[in-house]
C-alpha cells in the first residue's frame, strides 16, 4: 500500500509570492510574481489542478491514499479541498498568520513556516494549540537549514502528543538540513519527502543522491519516521507521477521492508488512514 504524504490541489490558482500575485495563464503556465513559470504539466491547459485528475494519476501509479497540503503560492484552497475530502484523500487547512476559523472538517493544518512574515514560530502557536486540542496533525515546511529548528523543538516540547510532519525532507540540499531531520527524534514528529525530486532535479532520475539522503536520514531517526511525498503537480513538470516514487521502489540501496515503511505504512499510521484499497494494475500501451 502506497500513500502520498505531500500533494497539492486547486480549482483556481490565486496565490502570492513576495507580495506579488501568482495566477494561471494557460498551458500549465503561471505568472509567478511577474515571471512566467511552468507550474503544472502542460496538459493542464485550463489551469485546474483537480482531485479527479490527481486520483487518475494515483490509480495509474498504484497509490492508495494522499494528503493534500497547501502553499501560499497557490492561494488558500480551503473551500475547494472540502469538496475533495474522501477516504483516500486527507486535507489540510491553511494557516495564514491570522486567527483560524472552524477547521473541524479538516484533517490537519498546513504551516508554510519558511514563508511566514514573522518567522519566529513561537509567535504562531495558535495552529499548534488548535491541532493539539482537536486531534489534528500539523504539516509544516520549515525555512532552509536550521533557521527555525530551535523554535520548532521548543514548540514540539510544548505539544508532545501532537503529530507533526516536517516537509520537503528537511530542505535536503541546503546547508544544515540534518538539523530538521533530527526533529524526528521526538516521538510524534515525522519527515516527509514532498519535493525531494525538485531539490535533486539537477541530478535527475533515478536520483541516487536522494536515495543516499534517505538512508542518511534513516541512520539518525530510523526508517519508521520517514514518509514518501510527491509534491504533485509541480514536480510533474519534470517527471511523471509514477517516477516520483519509482526511484524508491526500484533502488537496491533500501531494503524491501524499509521501502514498505517509507512508501505507505508509516503514513497510514501517522495520518490515520483506514480501509484503503490497492489500485488494480493496468498495463499501459508500451508494456508486453
Foldseek 3Di string as FASTA:
>chain_A
DFEAEEEAFAQWFWADDPRATWGDDFQCWICQRNDIDNQFHSVVGVRGRHLVVVVVLCLQLFHFAYEHADDRNRPFRVVVVLVNDDLRYAYAGEDDPDDDDDCLSHQAHEYALQRDPDNQCVSVCVRVVVCLVNVHAYEYEHHAACPHLVSVLVSCVVRLPHAYEYECQQLQVGPNSLSVLLSLLRPRYAYENACVCVSVVVVHPPPPVSVVSLVVSCVNRHLLRAAYHHHPPRCVNPPRSSSSLVSLVPDPSDDPVSSCNHRDPSCCVSSVRPPTDGRDHDDDPPDD
